[in-house]
Amino acid sequence: MQRIALLSSLILATSISTAMPTMAQVTASEKQNSANESACIATTPAEQIALNAAKNEARQIAELTNGGLSAYRAEAAMHGAAIASPCEMLGPAMWQFTIRGGEPTAVALEEEYTILSVVTVEGTGRDRNVTLNYNGPIEEYVQ
């Protein structure tokens, strides 16, 4: 039994390590070339850390506002690479995230979104301010 578990672990580890490098990743230059000038770009490690922290703060405020993880799930882009998230750079260390979300099962299985949250994150580290600009039905959102 232990030998089967060990063999299964080795096969799983091998398949994960060979699959990971082949997964598509968006680089900062690709994001910059394919998006407008206000797209969120992070070129240094410090900028990448700040942008990722801002993305997580924005997602967490949307989750909290909409009833927690048992009632709400943000779109997949808010769980992946920060430069691939629905983000707009408003200024130095100031980002706005437009997050689609909804009921967890509908989001996970059908990518069905019913709620839109617009969150602005300003600053880095402990000086960060998070503002929920809009939270409601997608069809009612007016920019």
C-alpha atoms as a PDB file:
ATOM      1  CA  MET A   1       0.000   0.000   0.000  1.00  0.00           C
ATOM      2  CA  GLN A   2       2.832   2.382   0.837  1.00  0.00           C
ATOM      3  CA  ARG A   3       4.515   1.601  -2.457  1.00  0.00           C
ATOM      4  CA  ILE A   4       1.343   2.517  -4.382  1.00  0.00           C
ATOM      5  CA  ALA A   5       1.051   5.818  -2.503  1.00  0.00           C
ATOM      6  CA  LEU A   6       4.716   6.595  -3.153  1.00  0.00           C
ATOM      7  CA  LEU A   7       4.382   5.736  -6.832  1.00  0.00           C
ATOM      8  CA  SER A   8       1.228   7.852  -7.131  1.00  0.00           C
ATOM      9  CA  SER A   9       3.016  10.783  -5.476  1.00  0.00           C
ATOM     10  CA  LEU A  10       5.950  10.479  -7.873  1.00  0.00           C
ATOM     11  CA  ILE A  11       3.683  10.348 -10.912  1.00  0.00           C
ATOM     12  CA  LEU A  12       1.712  13.361  -9.691  1.00  0.00           C
ATOM     13  CA  ALA A  13       4.865  15.361  -8.940  1.00  0.00           C
ATOM     14  CA  THR A  14       6.301  14.523 -12.362  1.00  0.00           C
ATOM     15  CA  SER A  15       3.126  15.462 -14.211  1.00  0.00           C
ATOM     16  CA  ILE A  16       2.829  18.745 -12.332  1.00  0.00           C
ATOM     17  CA  SER A  17       6.453  19.710 -12.897  1.00  0.00           C
ATOM     18  CA  THR A  18       6.272  18.956 -16.612  1.00  0.00           C
ATOM     19  CA  ALA A  19       2.917  20.706 -17.066  1.00  0.00           C
ATOM     20  CA  MET A  20       3.766  23.902 -15.217  1.00  0.00           C
ATOM     21  CA  PRO A  21       6.333  25.374 -17.657  1.00  0.00           C
ATOM     22  CA  THR A  22       3.982  24.879 -20.597  1.00  0.00           C
ATOM     23  CA  MET A  23       1.158  26.922 -19.076  1.00  0.00           C
ATOM     24  CA  ALA A  24       0.620  30.275 -20.782  1.00  0.00           C
ATOM     25  CA  GLN A  25       1.801  33.283 -18.845  1.00  0.00           C
ATOM     26  CA  VAL A  26       1.306  36.930 -19.666  1.00  0.00           C
ATOM     27  CA  THR A  27       4.464  39.012 -19.521  1.00  0.00           C
ATOM     28  CA  ALA A  28       4.488  42.714 -18.719  1.00  0.00           C
ATOM     29  CA  SER A  29       5.553  43.594 -22.260  1.00  0.00           C
ATOM     30  CA  GLU A  30       2.772  41.472 -23.778  1.00  0.00           C
ATOM     31  CA  LYS A  31       0.239  43.131 -21.502  1.00  0.00           C
ATOM     32  CA  GLN A  32       1.593  46.567 -22.401  1.00  0.00           C
ATOM     33  CA  ASN A  33       1.514  45.841 -26.128  1.00  0.00           C
ATOM     34  CA  SER A  34      -2.012  44.445 -26.067  1.00  0.00           C
ATOM     35  CA  ALA A  35      -3.689  46.951 -23.739  1.00  0.00           C
ATOM     36  CA  ASN A  36      -4.130  50.665 -23.441  1.00  0.00           C
ATOM     37  CA  GLU A  37      -1.621  52.920 -21.726  1.00  0.00           C
ATOM     38  CA  SER A  38      -3.491  52.789 -18.405  1.00  0.00           C
ATOM     39  CA  ALA A  39      -3.225  48.989 -18.071  1.00  0.00           C
ATOM     40  CA  CYS A  40      -1.513  47.791 -14.913  1.00  0.00           C
ATOM     41  CA  ILE A  41       2.147  47.132 -15.608  1.00  0.00           C
ATOM     42  CA  ALA A  42       4.715  45.896 -13.106  1.00  0.00           C
ATOM     43  CA  THR A  43       8.288  45.748 -14.355  1.00  0.00           C
ATOM     44  CA  THR A  44      10.325  45.553 -11.147  1.00  0.00           C
ATOM     45  CA  PRO A  45       9.969  43.041  -8.317  1.00  0.00           C
ATOM     46  CA  ALA A  46       8.789  45.825  -5.978  1.00  0.00           C
ATOM     47  CA  GLU A  47       6.104  46.899  -8.479  1.00  0.00           C
ATOM     48  CA  GLN A  48       5.019  43.276  -8.949  1.00  0.00           C
ATOM     49  CA  ILE A  49       4.669  42.800  -5.191  1.00  0.00           C
ATOM     50  CA  ALA A  50       2.723  46.055  -4.808  1.00  0.00           C
ATOM     51  CA  LEU A  51       0.386  45.250  -7.716  1.00  0.00           C
ATOM     52  CA  ASN A  52      -0.242  41.716  -6.472  1.00  0.00           C
ATOM     53  CA  ALA A  53      -0.979  42.999  -2.963  1.00  0.00           C
ATOM     54  CA  ALA A  54      -3.371  45.601  -4.404  1.00  0.00           C
ATOM     55  CA  LYS A  55      -5.124  42.905  -6.469  1.00  0.00           C
ATOM     56  CA  ASN A  56      -5.555  40.732  -3.384  1.00  0.00           C
ATOM     57  CA  GLU A  57      -6.868  43.657  -1.308  1.00  0.00           C
ATOM     58  CA  ALA A  58      -9.393  44.509  -4.031  1.00  0.00           C
ATOM     59  CA  ARG A  59     -10.581  40.902  -4.327  1.00  0.00           C
ATOM     60  CA  GLN A  60     -10.871  40.525  -0.553  1.00  0.00           C
ATOM     61  CA  ILE A  61     -13.003  43.663  -0.157  1.00  0.00           C
ATOM     62  CA  ALA A  62     -15.305  42.397  -2.933  1.00  0.00           C
ATOM     63  CA  GLU A  63     -15.546  38.995  -1.229  1.00  0.00           C
ATOM     64  CA  LEU A  64     -16.264  40.527   2.173  1.00  0.00           C
ATOM     65  CA  THR A  65     -18.856  42.965   0.815  1.00  0.00           C
ATOM     66  CA  ASN A  66     -20.708  40.238  -1.072  1.00  0.00           C
ATOM     67  CA  GLY A  67     -21.116  37.790   1.803  1.00  0.00           C
ATOM     68  CA  GLY A  68     -17.817  35.919   1.927  1.00  0.00           C
ATOM     69  CA  LEU A  69     -16.531  32.950  -0.006  1.00  0.00           C
ATOM     70  CA  SER A  70     -19.591  30.803   0.703  1.00  0.00           C
ATOM     71  CA  ALA A  71     -21.791  33.303  -1.160  1.00  0.00           C
ATOM     72  CA  TYR A  72     -19.462  34.984  -3.642  1.00  0.00           C
ATOM     73  CA  ARG A  73     -16.545  34.157  -5.933  1.00  0.00           C
ATOM     74  CA  ALA A  74     -14.533  36.655  -7.962  1.00  0.00           C
ATOM     75  CA  GLU A  75     -13.605  35.932 -11.567  1.00  0.00           C
ATOM     76  CA  ALA A  76     -10.576  33.733 -12.238  1.00  0.00           C
ATOM     77  CA  ALA A  77      -8.438  36.709 -13.320  1.00  0.00           C
ATOM     78  CA  MET A  78      -8.488  37.933  -9.710  1.00  0.00           C
ATOM     79  CA  HIS A  79      -6.838  34.701  -8.565  1.00  0.00           C
ATOM     80  CA  GLY A  80      -4.002  34.610 -11.092  1.00  0.00           C
ATOM     81  CA  ALA A  81      -1.206  36.850 -12.287  1.00  0.00           C
ATOM     82  CA  ALA A  82      -1.757  40.431 -11.182  1.00  0.00           C
ATOM     83  CA  ILE A  83      -0.866  41.894 -14.591  1.00  0.00           C
ATOM     84  CA  ALA A  84      -3.620  39.780 -16.152  1.00  0.00           C
ATOM     85  CA  SER A  85      -6.253  41.080 -13.725  1.00  0.00           C
ATOM     86  CA  PRO A  86      -8.976  43.575 -14.723  1.00  0.00           C
ATOM     87  CA  CYS A  87      -6.920  46.528 -13.590  1.00  0.00           C
ATOM     88  CA  GLU A  88      -6.361  50.115 -14.624  1.00  0.00           C
ATOM     89  CA  MET A  89      -3.427  52.233 -13.464  1.00  0.00           C
ATOM     90  CA  LEU A  90      -4.731  55.585 -12.224  1.00  0.00           C
ATOM     91  CA  GLY A  91      -1.359  56.948 -11.118  1.00  0.00           C
ATOM     92  CA  PRO A  92       1.771  55.946  -9.236  1.00  0.00           C
ATOM     93  CA  ALA A  93       0.793  53.252  -6.719  1.00  0.00           C
ATOM     94  CA  MET A  94      -2.912  53.748  -7.526  1.00  0.00           C
ATOM     95  CA  TRP A  95      -4.932  51.000  -9.197  1.00  0.00           C
ATOM     96  CA  GLN A  96      -8.600  50.462 -10.006  1.00  0.00           C
ATOM     97  CA  PHE A  97      -9.934  46.920 -10.329  1.00  0.00           C
ATOM     98  CA  THR A  98     -13.234  46.145 -12.064  1.00  0.00           C
ATOM     99  CA  ILE A  99     -14.124  42.725 -10.674  1.00  0.00           C
ATOM    100  CA  ARG A 100     -16.891  40.485 -11.947  1.00  0.00           C
ATOM    101  CA  GLY A 101     -18.216  37.860  -9.571  1.00  0.00           C
ATOM    102  CA  GLY A 102     -21.245  35.984  -8.406  1.00  0.00           C
ATOM    103  CA  GLU A 103     -22.504  32.792  -6.836  1.00  0.00           C
ATOM    104  CA  PRO A 104     -19.496  30.435  -6.438  1.00  0.00           C
ATOM    105  CA  THR A 105     -20.876  27.464  -8.386  1.00  0.00           C
ATOM    106  CA  ALA A 106     -22.136  29.610 -11.271  1.00  0.00           C
ATOM    107  CA  VAL A 107     -18.784  31.392 -11.506  1.00  0.00           C
ATOM    108  CA  ALA A 108     -16.696  28.217 -11.282  1.00  0.00           C
ATOM    109  CA  LEU A 109     -18.698  26.034 -13.647  1.00  0.00           C
ATOM    110  CA  GLU A 110     -20.296  28.453 -16.104  1.00  0.00           C
ATOM    111  CA  GLU A 111     -18.373  31.723 -15.706  1.00  0.00           C
ATOM    112  CA  GLU A 112     -21.718  33.368 -14.991  1.00  0.00           C
ATOM    113  CA  TYR A 113     -21.211  36.776 -13.377  1.00  0.00           C
ATOM    114  CA  THR A 114     -23.969  38.847 -11.774  1.00  0.00           C
ATOM    115  CA  ILE A 115     -22.123  41.288  -9.521  1.00  0.00           C
ATOM    116  CA  LEU A 116     -19.636  43.997 -10.427  1.00  0.00           C
ATOM    117  CA  SER A 117     -17.301  45.534  -7.875  1.00  0.00           C
ATOM    118  CA  VAL A 118     -15.130  48.531  -8.716  1.00  0.00           C
ATOM    119  CA  VAL A 119     -12.352  48.928  -6.165  1.00  0.00           C
ATOM    120  CA  THR A 120      -9.597  51.544  -5.983  1.00  0.00           C
ATOM    121  CA  VAL A 121      -6.407  50.710  -4.124  1.00  0.00           C
ATOM    122  CA  GLU A 122      -4.005  53.528  -3.392  1.00  0.00           C
ATOM    123  CA  GLY A 123      -0.570  53.284  -1.796  1.00  0.00           C
ATOM    124  CA  THR A 124       1.642  50.402  -0.795  1.00  0.00           C
ATOM    125  CA  GLY A 125       2.440  48.554   2.396  1.00  0.00           C
ATOM    126  CA  ARG A 126       0.681  49.723   5.541  1.00  0.00           C
ATOM    127  CA  ASP A 127      -0.197  53.057   3.923  1.00  0.00           C
ATOM    128  CA  ARG A 128      -2.641  51.404   1.516  1.00  0.00           C
ATOM    129  CA  ASN A 129      -6.208  52.743   1.215  1.00  0.00           C
ATOM    130  CA  VAL A 130      -8.940  50.583  -0.304  1.00  0.00           C
ATOM    131  CA  THR A 131     -12.153  52.194  -1.581  1.00  0.00           C
ATOM    132  CA  LEU A 132     -15.198  50.342  -2.873  1.00  0.00           C
ATOM    133  CA  ASN A 133     -16.497  52.662  -5.616  1.00  0.00           C
ATOM    134  CA  TYR A 134     -19.353  50.454  -6.844  1.00  0.00           C
ATOM    135  CA  ASN A 135     -20.821  47.121  -5.873  1.00  0.00           C
ATOM    136  CA  GLY A 136     -23.998  45.879  -7.495  1.00  0.00           C
ATOM    137  CA  PRO A 137     -25.587  44.303 -10.546  1.00  0.00           C
ATOM    138  CA  ILE A 138     -23.396  44.355 -13.652  1.00  0.00           C
ATOM    139  CA  GLU A 139     -26.156  45.738 -15.857  1.00  0.00           C
ATOM    140  CA  GLU A 140     -26.717  48.742 -13.571  1.00  0.00           C
ATOM    141  CA  TYR A 141     -23.098  49.930 -13.559  1.00  0.00           C
ATOM    142  CA  VAL A 142     -22.517  53.278 -15.264  1.00  0.00           C
ATOM    143  CA  GLN A 143     -18.980  54.630 -15.546  1.00  0.00           C
END
